[in-house]
Every structure is written in structure tokens, then in C-alpha cells.
Amino acid sequence: MGALIWLLIPFVAAVAAGLWGSWANRTRRMRSDGPELDGYARFRAAMEKSPSGPDDRVTTAP
């Protein structure tokens, strides 16, 4: 009987993890990716404006 109780502990933990995972995923489906995509678009625009060549760098050596 003791062995069954020890096997019941991981089973209950797996059921609890499954319930928590389904609850956590439920809230994620309602949220859109709009803010993240807007931030990425601003990042890409900033990277395209920045100097990328070795001639565009500012040097401080005499």
C-alpha cells in the first residue's frame, strides 16, 4: 500500500502541472502580438538608419 501512495504523488503532480499549463496557456491566447511586433519594427527601422560601414565610424585617434 505504501508503494501505491508513492506512485500517487507523481501522478497528482503531473495532473496539477497539466491543469496549471492549460490555465497559463488560456491567458496567452487572448493576448495579441501587436506590441511586440511594433517594438520589433521600431528596432529594425533604427538599425537600418545606423551607420554600418567602417568609413562611417567616428575615430578619435590623431
PDB file of N, CA and C in Angstrom:
ATOM      1  N   MET A   1       0.824  -1.198   0.000  1.00  0.00           N
ATOM      2  CA  MET A   1       0.000   0.000   0.000  1.00  0.00           C
ATOM      3  C   MET A   1       0.864   1.257   0.000  1.00  0.00           C
ATOM      4  N   GLY A   2       1.995   1.203   0.674  1.00  0.00           N
ATOM      5  CA  GLY A   2       2.905   2.350   0.727  1.00  0.00           C
ATOM      6  C   GLY A   2       3.470   2.691  -0.640  1.00  0.00           C
ATOM      7  N   ALA A   3       3.730   1.645  -1.445  1.00  0.00           N
ATOM      8  CA  ALA A   3       4.260   1.887  -2.790  1.00  0.00           C
ATOM      9  C   ALA A   3       3.235   2.595  -3.664  1.00  0.00           C
ATOM     10  N   LEU A   4       1.968   2.285  -3.485  1.00  0.00           N
ATOM     11  CA  LEU A   4       0.928   2.958  -4.270  1.00  0.00           C
ATOM     12  C   LEU A   4       0.824   4.433  -3.918  1.00  0.00           C
ATOM     13  N   ILE A   5       1.019   4.738  -2.647  1.00  0.00           N
ATOM     14  CA  ILE A   5       0.984   6.143  -2.236  1.00  0.00           C
ATOM     15  C   ILE A   5       2.154   6.905  -2.861  1.00  0.00           C
ATOM     16  N   TRP A   6       3.339   6.277  -2.899  1.00  0.00           N
ATOM     17  CA  TRP A   6       4.495   6.927  -3.527  1.00  0.00           C
ATOM     18  C   TRP A   6       4.290   7.099  -5.027  1.00  0.00           C
ATOM     19  N   LEU A   7       3.571   6.213  -5.661  1.00  0.00           N
ATOM     20  CA  LEU A   7       3.276   6.378  -7.088  1.00  0.00           C
ATOM     21  C   LEU A   7       2.174   7.413  -7.318  1.00  0.00           C
ATOM     22  N   LEU A   8       1.337   7.608  -6.317  1.00  0.00           N
ATOM     23  CA  LEU A   8       0.259   8.582  -6.435  1.00  0.00           C
ATOM     24  C   LEU A   8       0.789  10.023  -6.400  1.00  0.00           C
ATOM     25  N   ILE A   9       1.876  10.255  -5.694  1.00  0.00           N
ATOM     26  CA  ILE A   9       2.438  11.607  -5.580  1.00  0.00           C
ATOM     27  C   ILE A   9       2.860  12.159  -6.953  1.00  0.00           C
ATOM     28  N   PRO A  10       3.646  11.449  -7.768  1.00  0.00           N
ATOM     29  CA  PRO A  10       3.990  11.995  -9.085  1.00  0.00           C
ATOM     30  C   PRO A  10       2.776  12.121 -10.010  1.00  0.00           C
ATOM     31  N   PHE A  11       1.810  11.213  -9.846  1.00  0.00           N
ATOM     32  CA  PHE A  11       0.612  11.292 -10.674  1.00  0.00           C
ATOM     33  C   PHE A  11      -0.175  12.567 -10.361  1.00  0.00           C
ATOM     34  N   VAL A  12      -0.334  12.872  -9.097  1.00  0.00           N
ATOM     35  CA  VAL A  12      -1.040  14.097  -8.698  1.00  0.00           C
ATOM     36  C   VAL A  12      -0.252  15.323  -9.157  1.00  0.00           C
ATOM     37  N   ALA A  13       1.063  15.269  -9.059  1.00  0.00           N
ATOM     38  CA  ALA A  13       1.891  16.389  -9.517  1.00  0.00           C
ATOM     39  C   ALA A  13       1.744  16.586 -11.027  1.00  0.00           C
ATOM     40  N   ALA A  14       1.675  15.505 -11.792  1.00  0.00           N
ATOM     41  CA  ALA A  14       1.513  15.617 -13.248  1.00  0.00           C
ATOM     42  C   ALA A  14       0.149  16.189 -13.606  1.00  0.00           C
ATOM     43  N   VAL A  15      -0.875  15.779 -12.905  1.00  0.00           N
ATOM     44  CA  VAL A  15      -2.216  16.323 -13.152  1.00  0.00           C
ATOM     45  C   VAL A  15      -2.247  17.804 -12.807  1.00  0.00           C
ATOM     46  N   ALA A  16      -1.638  18.179 -11.680  1.00  0.00           N
ATOM     47  CA  ALA A  16      -1.597  19.590 -11.289  1.00  0.00           C
ATOM     48  C   ALA A  16      -0.804  20.412 -12.310  1.00  0.00           C
ATOM     49  N   ALA A  17       0.297  19.881 -12.812  1.00  0.00           N
ATOM     50  CA  ALA A  17       1.084  20.596 -13.820  1.00  0.00           C
ATOM     51  C   ALA A  17       0.296  20.755 -15.117  1.00  0.00           C
ATOM     52  N   GLY A  18      -0.446  19.752 -15.497  1.00  0.00           N
ATOM     53  CA  GLY A  18      -1.277  19.849 -16.688  1.00  0.00           C
ATOM     54  C   GLY A  18      -2.375  20.883 -16.544  1.00  0.00           C
ATOM     55  N   LEU A  19      -3.003  20.928 -15.378  1.00  0.00           N
ATOM     56  CA  LEU A  19      -4.038  21.941 -15.133  1.00  0.00           C
ATOM     57  C   LEU A  19      -3.441  23.346 -15.136  1.00  0.00           C
ATOM     58  N   TRP A  20      -2.298  23.502 -14.493  1.00  0.00           N
ATOM     59  CA  TRP A  20      -1.662  24.813 -14.463  1.00  0.00           C
ATOM     60  C   TRP A  20      -1.229  25.236 -15.864  1.00  0.00           C
ATOM     61  N   GLY A  21      -0.693  24.307 -16.649  1.00  0.00           N
ATOM     62  CA  GLY A  21      -0.275  24.627 -18.010  1.00  0.00           C
ATOM     63  C   GLY A  21      -1.433  25.041 -18.889  1.00  0.00           C
ATOM     64  N   SER A  22      -2.551  24.361 -18.761  1.00  0.00           N
ATOM     65  CA  SER A  22      -3.709  24.741 -19.571  1.00  0.00           C
ATOM     66  C   SER A  22      -4.259  26.090 -19.127  1.00  0.00           C
ATOM     67  N   TRP A  23      -4.210  26.393 -17.828  1.00  0.00           N
ATOM     68  CA  TRP A  23      -4.663  27.697 -17.354  1.00  0.00           C
ATOM     69  C   TRP A  23      -3.720  28.805 -17.825  1.00  0.00           C
ATOM     70  N   ALA A  24      -2.416  28.566 -17.768  1.00  0.00           N
ATOM     71  CA  ALA A  24      -1.449  29.578 -18.193  1.00  0.00           C
ATOM     72  C   ALA A  24      -1.558  29.831 -19.694  1.00  0.00           C
ATOM     73  N   ASN A  25      -1.821  28.815 -20.476  1.00  0.00           N
ATOM     74  CA  ASN A  25      -1.952  28.977 -21.928  1.00  0.00           C
ATOM     75  C   ASN A  25      -3.264  29.662 -22.287  1.00  0.00           C
ATOM     76  N   ARG A  26      -4.262  29.527 -21.454  1.00  0.00           N
ATOM     77  CA  ARG A  26      -5.557  30.155 -21.718  1.00  0.00           C
ATOM     78  C   ARG A  26      -5.417  31.668 -21.759  1.00  0.00           C
ATOM     79  N   THR A  27      -4.655  32.249 -20.841  1.00  0.00           N
ATOM     80  CA  THR A  27      -4.499  33.695 -20.809  1.00  0.00           C
ATOM     81  C   THR A  27      -3.610  34.185 -21.944  1.00  0.00           C
ATOM     82  N   ARG A  28      -2.727  33.372 -22.445  1.00  0.00           N
ATOM     83  CA  ARG A  28      -1.820  33.785 -23.511  1.00  0.00           C
ATOM     84  C   ARG A  28      -2.547  33.878 -24.849  1.00  0.00           C
ATOM     85  N   ARG A  29      -3.542  33.047 -25.086  1.00  0.00           N
ATOM     86  CA  ARG A  29      -4.261  33.071 -26.358  1.00  0.00           C
ATOM     87  C   ARG A  29      -5.023  34.373 -26.557  1.00  0.00           C
ATOM     88  N   MET A  30      -5.482  34.982 -25.472  1.00  0.00           N
ATOM     89  CA  MET A  30      -6.271  36.191 -25.578  1.00  0.00           C
ATOM     90  C   MET A  30      -5.415  37.401 -25.941  1.00  0.00           C
ATOM     91  N   ARG A  31      -4.139  37.358 -25.666  1.00  0.00           N
ATOM     92  CA  ARG A  31      -3.253  38.490 -25.904  1.00  0.00           C
ATOM     93  C   ARG A  31      -2.692  38.418 -27.321  1.00  0.00           C
ATOM     94  N   SER A  32      -2.643  39.556 -27.984  1.00  0.00           N
ATOM     95  CA  SER A  32      -2.109  39.567 -29.344  1.00  0.00           C
ATOM     96  C   SER A  32      -0.612  39.877 -29.312  1.00  0.00           C
ATOM     97  N   ASP A  33       0.022  39.746 -30.458  1.00  0.00           N
ATOM     98  CA  ASP A  33       1.441  40.034 -30.576  1.00  0.00           C
ATOM     99  C   ASP A  33       1.699  41.454 -31.070  1.00  0.00           C
ATOM    100  N   GLY A  34       0.692  42.298 -31.084  1.00  0.00           N
ATOM    101  CA  GLY A  34       0.811  43.643 -31.613  1.00  0.00           C
ATOM    102  C   GLY A  34       1.924  44.464 -30.992  1.00  0.00           C
ATOM    103  N   PRO A  35       1.974  44.627 -29.670  1.00  0.00           N
ATOM    104  CA  PRO A  35       3.028  45.457 -29.076  1.00  0.00           C
ATOM    105  C   PRO A  35       4.432  44.925 -29.348  1.00  0.00           C
ATOM    106  N   GLU A  36       4.605  43.610 -29.330  1.00  0.00           N
ATOM    107  CA  GLU A  36       5.927  43.047 -29.589  1.00  0.00           C
ATOM    108  C   GLU A  36       6.347  43.284 -31.033  1.00  0.00           C
ATOM    109  N   LEU A  37       5.414  43.133 -31.960  1.00  0.00           N
ATOM    110  CA  LEU A  37       5.736  43.353 -33.366  1.00  0.00           C
ATOM    111  C   LEU A  37       6.005  44.817 -33.649  1.00  0.00           C
ATOM    112  N   ASP A  38       5.293  45.725 -32.984  1.00  0.00           N
ATOM    113  CA  ASP A  38       5.553  47.155 -33.160  1.00  0.00           C
ATOM    114  C   ASP A  38       6.948  47.512 -32.656  1.00  0.00           C
ATOM    115  N   GLY A  39       7.330  46.957 -31.525  1.00  0.00           N
ATOM    116  CA  GLY A  39       8.667  47.198 -30.994  1.00  0.00           C
ATOM    117  C   GLY A  39       9.747  46.655 -31.908  1.00  0.00           C
ATOM    118  N   TYR A  40       9.515  45.508 -32.494  1.00  0.00           N
ATOM    119  CA  TYR A  40      10.486  44.930 -33.419  1.00  0.00           C
ATOM    120  C   TYR A  40      10.602  45.776 -34.679  1.00  0.00           C
ATOM    121  N   ALA A  41       9.481  46.321 -35.162  1.00  0.00           N
ATOM    122  CA  ALA A  41       9.524  47.184 -36.350  1.00  0.00           C
ATOM    123  C   ALA A  41      10.319  48.456 -36.050  1.00  0.00           C
ATOM    124  N   ARG A  42      10.159  49.026 -34.850  1.00  0.00           N
ATOM    125  CA  ARG A  42      10.936  50.210 -34.484  1.00  0.00           C
ATOM    126  C   ARG A  42      12.409  49.868 -34.370  1.00  0.00           C
ATOM    127  N   PHE A  43      12.730  48.698 -33.841  1.00  0.00           N
ATOM    128  CA  PHE A  43      14.120  48.267 -33.734  1.00  0.00           C
ATOM    129  C   PHE A  43      14.754  48.118 -35.112  1.00  0.00           C
ATOM    130  N   ARG A  44      14.037  47.481 -36.035  1.00  0.00           N
ATOM    131  CA  ARG A  44      14.574  47.306 -37.386  1.00  0.00           C
ATOM    132  C   ARG A  44      14.777  48.638 -38.076  1.00  0.00           C
ATOM    133  N   ALA A  45      13.834  49.568 -37.894  1.00  0.00           N
ATOM    134  CA  ALA A  45      13.976  50.889 -38.510  1.00  0.00           C
ATOM    135  C   ALA A  45      15.200  51.611 -37.949  1.00  0.00           C
ATOM    136  N   ALA A  46      15.433  51.490 -36.647  1.00  0.00           N
ATOM    137  CA  ALA A  46      16.601  52.125 -36.039  1.00  0.00           C
ATOM    138  C   ALA A  46      17.889  51.491 -36.536  1.00  0.00           C
ATOM    139  N   MET A  47      17.902  50.187 -36.733  1.00  0.00           N
ATOM    140  CA  MET A  47      19.106  49.522 -37.221  1.00  0.00           C
ATOM    141  C   MET A  47      19.399  49.873 -38.676  1.00  0.00           C
ATOM    142  N   GLU A  48      18.361  50.113 -39.461  1.00  0.00           N
ATOM    143  CA  GLU A  48      18.581  50.487 -40.854  1.00  0.00           C
ATOM    144  C   GLU A  48      19.127  51.905 -40.970  1.00  0.00           C
ATOM    145  N   LYS A  49      18.821  52.762 -40.013  1.00  0.00           N
ATOM    146  CA  LYS A  49      19.307  54.141 -40.034  1.00  0.00           C
ATOM    147  C   LYS A  49      20.731  54.253 -39.527  1.00  0.00           C
ATOM    148  N   SER A  50      21.186  53.329 -38.703  1.00  0.00           N
ATOM    149  CA  SER A  50      22.501  53.455 -38.089  1.00  0.00           C
ATOM    150  C   SER A  50      23.599  53.204 -39.115  1.00  0.00           C
ATOM    151  N   PRO A  51      24.762  53.839 -38.930  1.00  0.00           N
ATOM    152  CA  PRO A  51      25.877  53.619 -39.859  1.00  0.00           C
ATOM    153  C   PRO A  51      26.376  52.185 -39.754  1.00  0.00           C
ATOM    154  N   SER A  52      26.659  51.596 -40.897  1.00  0.00           N
ATOM    155  CA  SER A  52      27.065  50.192 -40.872  1.00  0.00           C
ATOM    156  C   SER A  52      28.451  49.961 -41.459  1.00  0.00           C
ATOM    157  N   GLY A  53      29.001  50.923 -42.144  1.00  0.00           N
ATOM    158  CA  GLY A  53      30.298  50.723 -42.781  1.00  0.00           C
ATOM    159  C   GLY A  53      31.442  51.211 -41.930  1.00  0.00           C
ATOM    160  N   PRO A  54      32.680  50.777 -42.235  1.00  0.00           N
ATOM    161  CA  PRO A  54      33.841  51.215 -41.461  1.00  0.00           C
ATOM    162  C   PRO A  54      34.158  52.688 -41.703  1.00  0.00           C
ATOM    163  N   ASP A  55      33.759  53.257 -42.832  1.00  0.00           N
ATOM    164  CA  ASP A  55      34.035  54.658 -43.137  1.00  0.00           C
ATOM    165  C   ASP A  55      33.115  55.591 -42.369  1.00  0.00           C
ATOM    166  N   ASP A  56      32.003  55.103 -41.877  1.00  0.00           N
ATOM    167  CA  ASP A  56      31.029  55.927 -41.173  1.00  0.00           C
ATOM    168  C   ASP A  56      31.345  56.076 -39.683  1.00  0.00           C
ATOM    169  N   ARG A  57      32.326  55.349 -39.198  1.00  0.00           N
ATOM    170  CA  ARG A  57      32.638  55.413 -37.778  1.00  0.00           C
ATOM    171  C   ARG A  57      33.390  56.685 -37.438  1.00  0.00           C
ATOM    172  N   VAL A  58      33.181  57.167 -36.235  1.00  0.00           N
ATOM    173  CA  VAL A  58      33.905  58.338 -35.750  1.00  0.00           C
ATOM    174  C   VAL A  58      35.160  57.847 -35.049  1.00  0.00           C
ATOM    175  N   THR A  59      36.301  58.372 -35.456  1.00  0.00           N
ATOM    176  CA  THR A  59      37.558  57.967 -34.815  1.00  0.00           C
ATOM    177  C   THR A  59      38.085  59.131 -34.004  1.00  0.00           C
ATOM    178  N   THR A  60      38.724  58.808 -32.874  1.00  0.00           N
ATOM    179  CA  THR A  60      39.278  59.846 -32.012  1.00  0.00           C
ATOM    180  C   THR A  60      40.801  59.851 -32.070  1.00  0.00           C
ATOM    181  N   ALA A  61      41.399  58.984 -32.818  1.00  0.00           N
ATOM    182  CA  ALA A  61      42.855  58.942 -32.908  1.00  0.00           C
ATOM    183  C   ALA A  61      43.349  60.061 -33.826  1.00  0.00           C
ATOM    184  N   PRO A  62      44.507  60.675 -33.512  1.00  0.00           N
ATOM    185  CA  PRO A  62      45.035  61.784 -34.357  1.00  0.00           C
ATOM    186  C   PRO A  62      45.539  61.326 -35.682  1.00  0.00           C
TER     187      PRO A  62
END
